[in-house]
Amino acid sequence: SPVKKGRGSFQKVDIKSLDENAIKLFGDDWFLLTAGSGEKFNPMTIAWGNLGVLWNHPVVTVYVRHNRYTYQFMESGKYFTICAFDEKYRDKLQYMGTHSGRNEDKIKISGFTPVMTELGNMYYQEARLAVECEKIYFDDIELKNILDEKGQNFYNNDTIHRMYIGKVLNVWRKE
């Protein structure tokens, strides 16, 4: 898929100026997580995550299973982005979350237009919000540490998630 450069109709904003509900953004609206850079990157839809503060940095926490294609990009790269979209893109986000970039060009099929940041990371022209992060911590979910019954049952016969915490570097909002 061709990659655009620049900002389009996006304006850089301070994350503290966002009037968004993080639980709704992740759990209801979903994000498109993208890792990798340049011509080699992969997106996946995520519905788990956090926005908060760690070590005096605004941060984003995301979770990626070890068997997902995006995992190798998260492991090898220093950065990732998350993008929020309007409801009209729900079917495309559903597609991005149920198909693997290992087997097909999901971006081309979805019709999303990747845009490269100055650091070489990707967000999408169709997004309404894009957050660029630098990884500052990661760790695997430990099954023995899960105290919640729902959480314990979540990993029956499937791989665990790796948690990545990213320091927020840039936030763009579509004007």
N, C-alpha and C. Protein backbone atom coordinates (compact mmCIF):
# COMPACT_ATOMS: atom_id res chain seq x y z
N SER A 1 0.84 -1.19 0.00
CA SER A 1 0.00 0.00 0.00
C SER A 1 0.88 1.25 0.00
N PRO A 2 0.54 2.25 -0.79
CA PRO A 2 1.33 3.47 -0.78
C PRO A 2 1.20 4.20 0.54
N VAL A 3 2.28 4.82 0.97
CA VAL A 3 2.31 5.53 2.24
C VAL A 3 2.40 7.02 1.97
N LYS A 4 1.54 7.78 2.63
CA LYS A 4 1.57 9.24 2.51
C LYS A 4 2.50 9.81 3.56
N LYS A 5 3.00 10.99 3.32
CA LYS A 5 3.79 11.71 4.32
C LYS A 5 3.01 12.94 4.72
N GLY A 6 3.22 13.39 5.95
CA GLY A 6 2.60 14.63 6.37
C GLY A 6 1.40 14.41 7.27
N ARG A 7 0.71 15.50 7.54
CA ARG A 7 -0.34 15.49 8.54
C ARG A 7 -1.76 15.56 7.98
N GLY A 8 -1.94 15.98 6.74
CA GLY A 8 -3.30 16.12 6.24
C GLY A 8 -4.08 17.11 7.07
N SER A 9 -5.27 16.73 7.52
CA SER A 9 -6.10 17.64 8.32
C SER A 9 -5.94 17.40 9.82
N PHE A 10 -4.84 16.78 10.22
CA PHE A 10 -4.58 16.51 11.63
C PHE A 10 -3.85 17.68 12.27
N GLN A 11 -4.19 17.94 13.53
CA GLN A 11 -3.50 18.96 14.31
C GLN A 11 -2.83 18.29 15.50
N LYS A 12 -1.60 18.64 15.76
CA LYS A 12 -0.90 18.12 16.93
C LYS A 12 -1.51 18.77 18.17
N VAL A 13 -1.80 17.93 19.19
CA VAL A 13 -2.41 18.43 20.43
C VAL A 13 -1.68 17.85 21.63
N ASP A 14 -1.85 18.49 22.76
CA ASP A 14 -1.34 17.98 24.03
C ASP A 14 -2.32 16.91 24.51
N ILE A 15 -1.81 15.76 24.93
CA ILE A 15 -2.69 14.67 25.37
C ILE A 15 -3.59 15.11 26.52
N LYS A 16 -3.14 16.06 27.33
CA LYS A 16 -3.95 16.53 28.45
C LYS A 16 -5.17 17.32 27.98
N SER A 17 -5.16 17.73 26.72
CA SER A 17 -6.30 18.50 26.20
C SER A 17 -7.41 17.60 25.66
N LEU A 18 -7.17 16.30 25.58
CA LEU A 18 -8.18 15.39 25.03
C LEU A 18 -9.36 15.26 25.99
N ASP A 19 -10.54 15.31 25.44
CA ASP A 19 -11.77 15.12 26.21
C ASP A 19 -12.37 13.78 25.78
N GLU A 20 -11.68 12.70 26.15
CA GLU A 20 -12.05 11.35 25.72
C GLU A 20 -12.17 10.44 26.93
N ASN A 21 -12.98 9.43 26.83
CA ASN A 21 -13.13 8.42 27.87
C ASN A 21 -12.31 7.20 27.45
N ALA A 22 -11.25 6.90 28.18
CA ALA A 22 -10.33 5.81 27.80
C ALA A 22 -11.03 4.45 27.78
N ILE A 23 -11.93 4.21 28.69
CA ILE A 23 -12.63 2.92 28.73
C ILE A 23 -13.50 2.77 27.49
N LYS A 24 -14.18 3.83 27.10
CA LYS A 24 -14.99 3.79 25.88
C LYS A 24 -14.09 3.64 24.65
N LEU A 25 -13.00 4.39 24.60
CA LEU A 25 -12.09 4.33 23.45
C LEU A 25 -11.58 2.91 23.21
N PHE A 26 -11.12 2.26 24.27
CA PHE A 26 -10.60 0.91 24.11
C PHE A 26 -11.71 -0.13 24.02
N GLY A 27 -12.56 -0.17 25.02
CA GLY A 27 -13.53 -1.25 25.14
C GLY A 27 -14.69 -1.21 24.16
N ASP A 28 -15.16 -0.02 23.84
CA ASP A 28 -16.33 0.11 22.96
C ASP A 28 -15.95 0.47 21.52
N ASP A 29 -15.08 1.46 21.37
CA ASP A 29 -14.75 1.98 20.04
C ASP A 29 -13.62 1.21 19.36
N TRP A 30 -12.69 0.68 20.15
CA TRP A 30 -11.50 -0.03 19.69
C TRP A 30 -10.47 0.92 19.10
N PHE A 31 -9.23 0.49 19.14
CA PHE A 31 -8.11 1.19 18.52
C PHE A 31 -7.51 0.30 17.45
N LEU A 32 -6.82 0.92 16.52
CA LEU A 32 -5.98 0.18 15.58
C LEU A 32 -4.55 0.43 16.01
N LEU A 33 -3.92 -0.64 16.51
CA LEU A 33 -2.51 -0.61 16.94
C LEU A 33 -1.66 -0.92 15.73
N THR A 34 -0.62 -0.12 15.49
CA THR A 34 0.29 -0.39 14.39
C THR A 34 1.72 -0.36 14.90
N ALA A 35 2.48 -1.38 14.53
CA ALA A 35 3.89 -1.46 14.89
C ALA A 35 4.71 -1.72 13.63
N GLY A 36 5.96 -1.35 13.68
CA GLY A 36 6.84 -1.44 12.53
C GLY A 36 6.99 -0.04 11.95
N SER A 37 7.80 0.08 10.91
CA SER A 37 8.01 1.41 10.34
C SER A 37 8.32 1.30 8.86
N GLY A 38 8.34 2.44 8.20
CA GLY A 38 8.64 2.46 6.77
C GLY A 38 7.65 1.61 6.00
N GLU A 39 8.17 0.74 5.15
CA GLU A 39 7.32 -0.12 4.33
C GLU A 39 6.98 -1.44 5.02
N LYS A 40 7.51 -1.69 6.20
CA LYS A 40 7.31 -2.97 6.89
C LYS A 40 6.64 -2.71 8.23
N PHE A 41 5.31 -2.79 8.24
CA PHE A 41 4.54 -2.54 9.46
C PHE A 41 3.27 -3.37 9.40
N ASN A 42 2.61 -3.50 10.54
CA ASN A 42 1.37 -4.27 10.57
C ASN A 42 0.42 -3.68 11.61
N PRO A 43 -0.86 -3.54 11.25
CA PRO A 43 -1.88 -3.08 12.19
C PRO A 43 -2.72 -4.25 12.72
N MET A 44 -3.27 -4.07 13.89
CA MET A 44 -4.26 -5.00 14.45
C MET A 44 -5.21 -4.21 15.33
N THR A 45 -6.45 -4.64 15.36
CA THR A 45 -7.45 -4.01 16.20
C THR A 45 -7.27 -4.47 17.63
N ILE A 46 -7.36 -3.53 18.58
CA ILE A 46 -7.26 -3.88 19.99
C ILE A 46 -8.44 -3.28 20.76
N ALA A 47 -8.88 -4.00 21.77
CA ALA A 47 -9.95 -3.51 22.64
C ALA A 47 -9.52 -3.52 24.10
N TRP A 48 -8.27 -3.88 24.34
CA TRP A 48 -7.71 -3.84 25.68
C TRP A 48 -6.63 -2.78 25.71
N GLY A 49 -6.59 -2.01 26.78
CA GLY A 49 -5.52 -1.03 26.92
C GLY A 49 -5.84 -0.01 27.98
N ASN A 50 -4.88 0.86 28.17
CA ASN A 50 -4.99 1.88 29.20
C ASN A 50 -4.32 3.16 28.74
N LEU A 51 -4.83 4.27 29.23
CA LEU A 51 -4.17 5.56 29.13
C LEU A 51 -3.92 6.00 30.56
N GLY A 52 -2.72 6.48 30.83
CA GLY A 52 -2.44 6.89 32.20
C GLY A 52 -1.10 7.57 32.33
N VAL A 53 -0.52 7.42 33.52
CA VAL A 53 0.75 8.06 33.83
C VAL A 53 1.65 7.03 34.51
N LEU A 54 2.91 6.97 34.09
CA LEU A 54 3.91 6.11 34.71
C LEU A 54 5.24 6.83 34.67
N TRP A 55 5.93 6.88 35.79
CA TRP A 55 7.24 7.53 35.88
C TRP A 55 7.18 8.97 35.37
N ASN A 56 6.07 9.63 35.67
CA ASN A 56 5.82 11.03 35.28
C ASN A 56 5.67 11.23 33.77
N HIS A 57 5.44 10.16 33.03
CA HIS A 57 5.16 10.25 31.60
C HIS A 57 3.69 9.92 31.33
N PRO A 58 3.05 10.63 30.41
CA PRO A 58 1.77 10.12 29.93
C PRO A 58 2.06 8.85 29.13
N VAL A 59 1.27 7.80 29.37
CA VAL A 59 1.55 6.51 28.73
C VAL A 59 0.29 5.86 28.17
N VAL A 60 0.55 4.94 27.24
CA VAL A 60 -0.47 4.05 26.68
C VAL A 60 0.01 2.64 26.96
N THR A 61 -0.89 1.78 27.45
CA THR A 61 -0.57 0.37 27.65
C THR A 61 -1.43 -0.44 26.69
N VAL A 62 -0.77 -1.35 25.96
CA VAL A 62 -1.46 -2.23 25.02
C VAL A 62 -1.02 -3.66 25.28
N TYR A 63 -1.81 -4.61 24.78
CA TYR A 63 -1.56 -6.03 25.01
C TYR A 63 -1.61 -6.76 23.68
N VAL A 64 -0.58 -7.57 23.42
CA VAL A 64 -0.50 -8.31 22.15
C VAL A 64 -0.12 -9.76 22.46
N ARG A 65 -0.90 -10.69 21.93
CA ARG A 65 -0.58 -12.11 22.11
C ARG A 65 0.70 -12.45 21.34
N HIS A 66 1.46 -13.40 21.88
CA HIS A 66 2.71 -13.83 21.27
C HIS A 66 2.53 -14.41 19.87
N ASN A 67 1.37 -14.98 19.58
CA ASN A 67 1.17 -15.62 18.28
C ASN A 67 0.63 -14.68 17.21
N ARG A 68 0.42 -13.43 17.53
CA ARG A 68 -0.09 -12.47 16.55
C ARG A 68 1.06 -11.98 15.67
N TYR A 69 0.76 -11.72 14.42
CA TYR A 69 1.76 -11.23 13.48
C TYR A 69 2.36 -9.90 13.96
N THR A 70 1.54 -9.05 14.55
CA THR A 70 1.99 -7.74 15.03
C THR A 70 3.03 -7.88 16.14
N TYR A 71 3.01 -9.00 16.86
CA TYR A 71 3.94 -9.21 17.97
C TYR A 71 5.40 -9.03 17.53
N GLN A 72 5.78 -9.60 16.39
CA GLN A 72 7.17 -9.50 15.95
C GLN A 72 7.55 -8.04 15.67
N PHE A 73 6.60 -7.23 15.22
CA PHE A 73 6.87 -5.82 14.97
C PHE A 73 6.99 -5.06 16.30
N MET A 74 6.16 -5.42 17.27
CA MET A 74 6.25 -4.80 18.59
C MET A 74 7.59 -5.15 19.25
N GLU A 75 8.03 -6.38 19.06
CA GLU A 75 9.29 -6.82 19.66
C GLU A 75 10.51 -6.14 19.03
N SER A 76 10.49 -5.99 17.73
CA SER A 76 11.69 -5.50 17.04
C SER A 76 11.77 -3.98 16.96
N GLY A 77 10.65 -3.30 17.15
CA GLY A 77 10.64 -1.85 17.00
C GLY A 77 10.68 -1.12 18.32
N LYS A 78 10.94 0.16 18.22
CA LYS A 78 11.02 1.04 19.40
C LYS A 78 9.71 1.79 19.64
N TYR A 79 8.85 1.86 18.60
CA TYR A 79 7.66 2.69 18.65
C TYR A 79 6.41 1.90 18.25
N PHE A 80 5.24 2.47 18.58
CA PHE A 80 3.97 1.98 18.07
C PHE A 80 2.99 3.14 18.06
N THR A 81 1.92 2.98 17.31
CA THR A 81 0.85 3.98 17.30
C THR A 81 -0.47 3.31 17.60
N ILE A 82 -1.40 4.09 18.12
CA ILE A 82 -2.79 3.65 18.22
C ILE A 82 -3.65 4.73 17.59
N CYS A 83 -4.66 4.29 16.85
CA CYS A 83 -5.56 5.22 16.15
C CYS A 83 -7.00 4.90 16.50
N ALA A 84 -7.77 5.95 16.76
CA ALA A 84 -9.22 5.83 17.00
C ALA A 84 -9.95 6.30 15.76
N PHE A 85 -11.08 5.67 15.48
CA PHE A 85 -11.86 5.95 14.27
C PHE A 85 -13.31 6.22 14.63
N ASP A 86 -14.01 6.89 13.73
CA ASP A 86 -15.46 7.06 13.87
C ASP A 86 -16.16 5.73 13.66
N GLU A 87 -17.38 5.63 14.13
CA GLU A 87 -18.18 4.40 14.05
C GLU A 87 -18.34 3.88 12.62
N LYS A 88 -18.33 4.76 11.64
CA LYS A 88 -18.51 4.32 10.25
C LYS A 88 -17.40 3.39 9.77
N TYR A 89 -16.29 3.32 10.51
CA TYR A 89 -15.18 2.43 10.15
C TYR A 89 -15.19 1.12 10.94
N ARG A 90 -16.26 0.86 11.67
CA ARG A 90 -16.35 -0.33 12.53
C ARG A 90 -16.10 -1.61 11.74
N ASP A 91 -16.69 -1.75 10.56
CA ASP A 91 -16.51 -2.97 9.78
C ASP A 91 -15.05 -3.16 9.37
N LYS A 92 -14.36 -2.08 9.06
CA LYS A 92 -12.95 -2.18 8.70
C LYS A 92 -12.10 -2.56 9.91
N LEU A 93 -12.43 -2.02 11.08
CA LEU A 93 -11.71 -2.39 12.30
C LEU A 93 -11.97 -3.86 12.64
N GLN A 94 -13.20 -4.30 12.44
CA GLN A 94 -13.52 -5.72 12.66
C GLN A 94 -12.67 -6.59 11.74
N TYR A 95 -12.56 -6.19 10.49
CA TYR A 95 -11.74 -6.94 9.52
C TYR A 95 -10.28 -6.98 9.97
N MET A 96 -9.75 -5.81 10.37
CA MET A 96 -8.34 -5.71 10.77
C MET A 96 -8.04 -6.56 12.01
N GLY A 97 -9.07 -6.82 12.81
CA GLY A 97 -8.89 -7.61 14.02
C GLY A 97 -9.11 -9.10 13.83
N THR A 98 -9.62 -9.50 12.67
CA THR A 98 -9.93 -10.92 12.46
C THR A 98 -9.16 -11.54 11.30
N HIS A 99 -8.29 -10.76 10.67
CA HIS A 99 -7.45 -11.27 9.58
C HIS A 99 -6.00 -10.94 9.88
N SER A 100 -5.10 -11.78 9.40
CA SER A 100 -3.68 -11.60 9.69
C SER A 100 -2.95 -10.97 8.52
N GLY A 101 -2.11 -9.99 8.83
CA GLY A 101 -1.24 -9.40 7.83
C GLY A 101 -0.15 -10.37 7.38
N ARG A 102 -0.03 -11.47 8.08
CA ARG A 102 0.92 -12.52 7.69
C ARG A 102 0.49 -13.15 6.38
N ASN A 103 -0.83 -13.17 6.14
CA ASN A 103 -1.39 -13.87 4.99
C ASN A 103 -1.90 -12.98 3.86
N GLU A 104 -2.06 -11.69 4.12
CA GLU A 104 -2.64 -10.80 3.12
C GLU A 104 -2.27 -9.36 3.42
N ASP A 105 -2.50 -8.49 2.46
CA ASP A 105 -2.26 -7.05 2.63
C ASP A 105 -3.54 -6.43 3.19
N LYS A 106 -3.65 -6.47 4.53
CA LYS A 106 -4.86 -5.98 5.19
C LYS A 106 -5.11 -4.50 4.92
N ILE A 107 -4.05 -3.74 4.82
CA ILE A 107 -4.21 -2.30 4.62
C ILE A 107 -4.83 -2.03 3.26
N LYS A 108 -4.34 -2.69 2.24
CA LYS A 108 -4.89 -2.51 0.90
C LYS A 108 -6.35 -2.95 0.87
N ILE A 109 -6.65 -4.09 1.47
CA ILE A 109 -8.02 -4.61 1.47
C ILE A 109 -8.95 -3.68 2.26
N SER A 110 -8.46 -3.13 3.38
CA SER A 110 -9.29 -2.26 4.22
C SER A 110 -9.57 -0.92 3.56
N GLY A 111 -8.64 -0.48 2.72
CA GLY A 111 -8.78 0.84 2.12
C GLY A 111 -8.24 1.96 2.98
N PHE A 112 -7.69 1.64 4.15
CA PHE A 112 -7.08 2.68 4.98
C PHE A 112 -5.84 3.25 4.29
N THR A 113 -5.58 4.53 4.53
CA THR A 113 -4.45 5.23 3.93
C THR A 113 -3.39 5.48 5.00
N PRO A 114 -2.27 4.73 4.96
CA PRO A 114 -1.22 4.94 5.96
C PRO A 114 -0.50 6.27 5.74
N VAL A 115 -0.20 6.93 6.85
CA VAL A 115 0.53 8.19 6.85
C VAL A 115 1.73 8.01 7.77
N MET A 116 2.92 8.40 7.29
CA MET A 116 4.14 8.21 8.07
C MET A 116 4.45 9.44 8.92
N THR A 117 4.75 9.22 10.19
CA THR A 117 5.18 10.30 11.07
C THR A 117 6.64 10.64 10.78
N GLU A 118 7.12 11.70 11.39
CA GLU A 118 8.52 12.09 11.22
C GLU A 118 9.46 11.00 11.75
N LEU A 119 8.99 10.19 12.70
CA LEU A 119 9.81 9.11 13.26
C LEU A 119 9.70 7.82 12.45
N GLY A 120 8.87 7.82 11.39
CA GLY A 120 8.74 6.65 10.53
C GLY A 120 7.66 5.68 10.93
N ASN A 121 6.77 6.09 11.84
CA ASN A 121 5.67 5.24 12.30
C ASN A 121 4.40 5.58 11.53
N MET A 122 3.43 4.65 11.59
CA MET A 122 2.22 4.81 10.78
C MET A 122 0.98 5.13 11.61
N TYR A 123 0.21 6.07 11.06
CA TYR A 123 -1.16 6.26 11.48
C TYR A 123 -1.98 6.30 10.20
N TYR A 124 -3.27 6.57 10.28
CA TYR A 124 -4.14 6.42 9.11
C TYR A 124 -4.95 7.69 8.88
N GLN A 125 -5.01 8.10 7.62
CA GLN A 125 -5.71 9.32 7.24
C GLN A 125 -7.18 9.29 7.67
N GLU A 126 -7.77 8.11 7.73
CA GLU A 126 -9.19 7.98 8.08
C GLU A 126 -9.44 8.07 9.59
N ALA A 127 -8.40 8.01 10.40
CA ALA A 127 -8.54 8.06 11.86
C ALA A 127 -9.02 9.44 12.31
N ARG A 128 -9.57 9.49 13.49
CA ARG A 128 -9.94 10.78 14.07
C ARG A 128 -8.95 11.20 15.15
N LEU A 129 -8.16 10.21 15.62
CA LEU A 129 -7.17 10.46 16.67
C LEU A 129 -6.02 9.50 16.48
N ALA A 130 -4.79 10.00 16.58
CA ALA A 130 -3.60 9.15 16.45
C ALA A 130 -2.64 9.48 17.58
N VAL A 131 -2.11 8.43 18.21
CA VAL A 131 -1.18 8.60 19.33
C VAL A 131 0.09 7.80 19.00
N GLU A 132 1.22 8.48 19.03
CA GLU A 132 2.52 7.86 18.74
C GLU A 132 3.27 7.66 20.05
N CYS A 133 3.77 6.44 20.26
CA CYS A 133 4.37 6.07 21.53
C CYS A 133 5.75 5.44 21.35
N GLU A 134 6.59 5.62 22.35
CA GLU A 134 7.89 4.95 22.43
C GLU A 134 7.82 3.92 23.55
N LYS A 135 8.17 2.68 23.24
CA LYS A 135 8.12 1.63 24.26
C LYS A 135 9.08 1.96 25.41
N ILE A 136 8.57 1.85 26.64
CA ILE A 136 9.43 2.07 27.81
C ILE A 136 9.39 0.88 28.78
N TYR A 137 8.48 -0.07 28.55
CA TYR A 137 8.40 -1.24 29.43
C TYR A 137 7.59 -2.32 28.73
N PHE A 138 7.92 -3.57 29.03
CA PHE A 138 7.10 -4.69 28.57
C PHE A 138 7.21 -5.81 29.59
N ASP A 139 6.22 -6.67 29.60
CA ASP A 139 6.23 -7.84 30.46
C ASP A 139 5.11 -8.76 29.99
N ASP A 140 5.27 -10.06 30.26
CA ASP A 140 4.24 -11.02 29.91
C ASP A 140 3.25 -11.19 31.06
N ILE A 141 1.99 -11.40 30.70
CA ILE A 141 0.98 -11.75 31.68
C ILE A 141 1.38 -13.10 32.30
N GLU A 142 1.41 -13.17 33.59
CA GLU A 142 1.74 -14.41 34.30
C GLU A 142 0.44 -15.05 34.77
N LEU A 143 0.16 -16.25 34.28
CA LEU A 143 -1.09 -16.94 34.63
C LEU A 143 -1.24 -17.08 36.14
N LYS A 144 -0.17 -17.37 36.85
CA LYS A 144 -0.23 -17.56 38.31
C LYS A 144 -0.60 -16.27 39.05
N ASN A 145 -0.44 -15.13 38.38
CA ASN A 145 -0.75 -13.85 39.02
C ASN A 145 -2.15 -13.33 38.72
N ILE A 146 -2.90 -14.06 37.90
CA ILE A 146 -4.26 -13.62 37.56
C ILE A 146 -5.20 -14.02 38.69
N LEU A 147 -5.77 -13.04 39.35
CA LEU A 147 -6.65 -13.28 40.48
C LEU A 147 -8.13 -13.28 40.08
N ASP A 148 -8.45 -12.69 38.95
CA ASP A 148 -9.81 -12.58 38.47
C ASP A 148 -10.21 -13.86 37.74
N GLU A 149 -11.35 -14.44 38.10
CA GLU A 149 -11.80 -15.69 37.48
C GLU A 149 -11.99 -15.54 35.97
N LYS A 150 -12.58 -14.43 35.56
CA LYS A 150 -12.77 -14.18 34.13
C LYS A 150 -11.40 -14.16 33.42
N GLY A 151 -10.44 -13.52 34.03
CA GLY A 151 -9.10 -13.47 33.48
C GLY A 151 -8.44 -14.83 33.41
N GLN A 152 -8.64 -15.64 34.45
CA GLN A 152 -8.06 -16.99 34.47
C GLN A 152 -8.62 -17.84 33.33
N ASN A 153 -9.91 -17.71 33.08
CA ASN A 153 -10.55 -18.51 32.03
C ASN A 153 -10.23 -18.01 30.63
N PHE A 154 -9.67 -16.83 30.52
CA PHE A 154 -9.42 -16.22 29.22
C PHE A 154 -8.30 -16.92 28.45
N TYR A 155 -7.42 -17.62 29.13
CA TYR A 155 -6.24 -18.19 28.49
C TYR A 155 -6.30 -19.69 28.28
N ASN A 156 -7.49 -20.28 28.34
CA ASN A 156 -7.62 -21.71 28.08
C ASN A 156 -7.17 -22.00 26.65
N ASN A 157 -6.10 -22.78 26.51
CA ASN A 157 -5.61 -23.24 25.22
C ASN A 157 -5.24 -22.11 24.25
N ASP A 158 -4.80 -20.97 24.75
CA ASP A 158 -4.36 -19.90 23.86
C ASP A 158 -3.11 -19.26 24.46
N THR A 159 -2.37 -18.54 23.62
CA THR A 159 -1.14 -17.92 24.10
C THR A 159 -1.44 -16.71 24.96
N ILE A 160 -0.47 -16.36 25.79
CA ILE A 160 -0.63 -15.22 26.68
C ILE A 160 -0.36 -13.92 25.94
N HIS A 161 -0.67 -12.84 26.60
CA HIS A 161 -0.42 -11.51 26.08
C HIS A 161 0.89 -10.95 26.65
N ARG A 162 1.55 -10.16 25.86
CA ARG A 162 2.64 -9.33 26.36
C ARG A 162 2.08 -7.93 26.50
N MET A 163 2.36 -7.31 27.65
CA MET A 163 1.95 -5.94 27.92
C MET A 163 3.09 -5.02 27.50
N TYR A 164 2.74 -3.99 26.74
CA TYR A 164 3.71 -2.97 26.35
C TYR A 164 3.23 -1.63 26.87
N ILE A 165 4.12 -0.89 27.51
CA ILE A 165 3.81 0.46 27.95
C ILE A 165 4.63 1.41 27.10
N GLY A 166 3.93 2.36 26.49
CA GLY A 166 4.60 3.34 25.63
C GLY A 166 4.43 4.74 26.15
N LYS A 167 5.53 5.47 26.20
CA LYS A 167 5.50 6.89 26.55
C LYS A 167 4.90 7.64 25.36
N VAL A 168 3.92 8.47 25.62
CA VAL A 168 3.27 9.24 24.56
C VAL A 168 4.23 10.32 24.07
N LEU A 169 4.53 10.26 22.77
CA LEU A 169 5.40 11.25 22.14
C LEU A 169 4.62 12.33 21.40
N ASN A 170 3.60 11.89 20.65
CA ASN A 170 2.81 12.82 19.83
C ASN A 170 1.36 12.37 19.80
N VAL A 171 0.49 13.34 19.75
CA VAL A 171 -0.95 13.09 19.61
C VAL A 171 -1.47 14.02 18.52
N TRP A 172 -2.20 13.44 17.56
CA TRP A 172 -2.82 14.22 16.50
C TRP A 172 -4.32 13.97 16.51
N ARG A 173 -5.07 15.04 16.37
CA ARG A 173 -6.52 14.95 16.32
C ARG A 173 -6.98 15.55 14.98
N LYS A 174 -7.94 14.89 14.36
CA LYS A 174 -8.47 15.41 13.11
C LYS A 174 -9.35 16.61 13.41
N GLU A 175 -9.10 17.67 12.70
CA GLU A 175 -9.86 18.92 12.92
C GLU A 175 -11.05 18.99 11.99
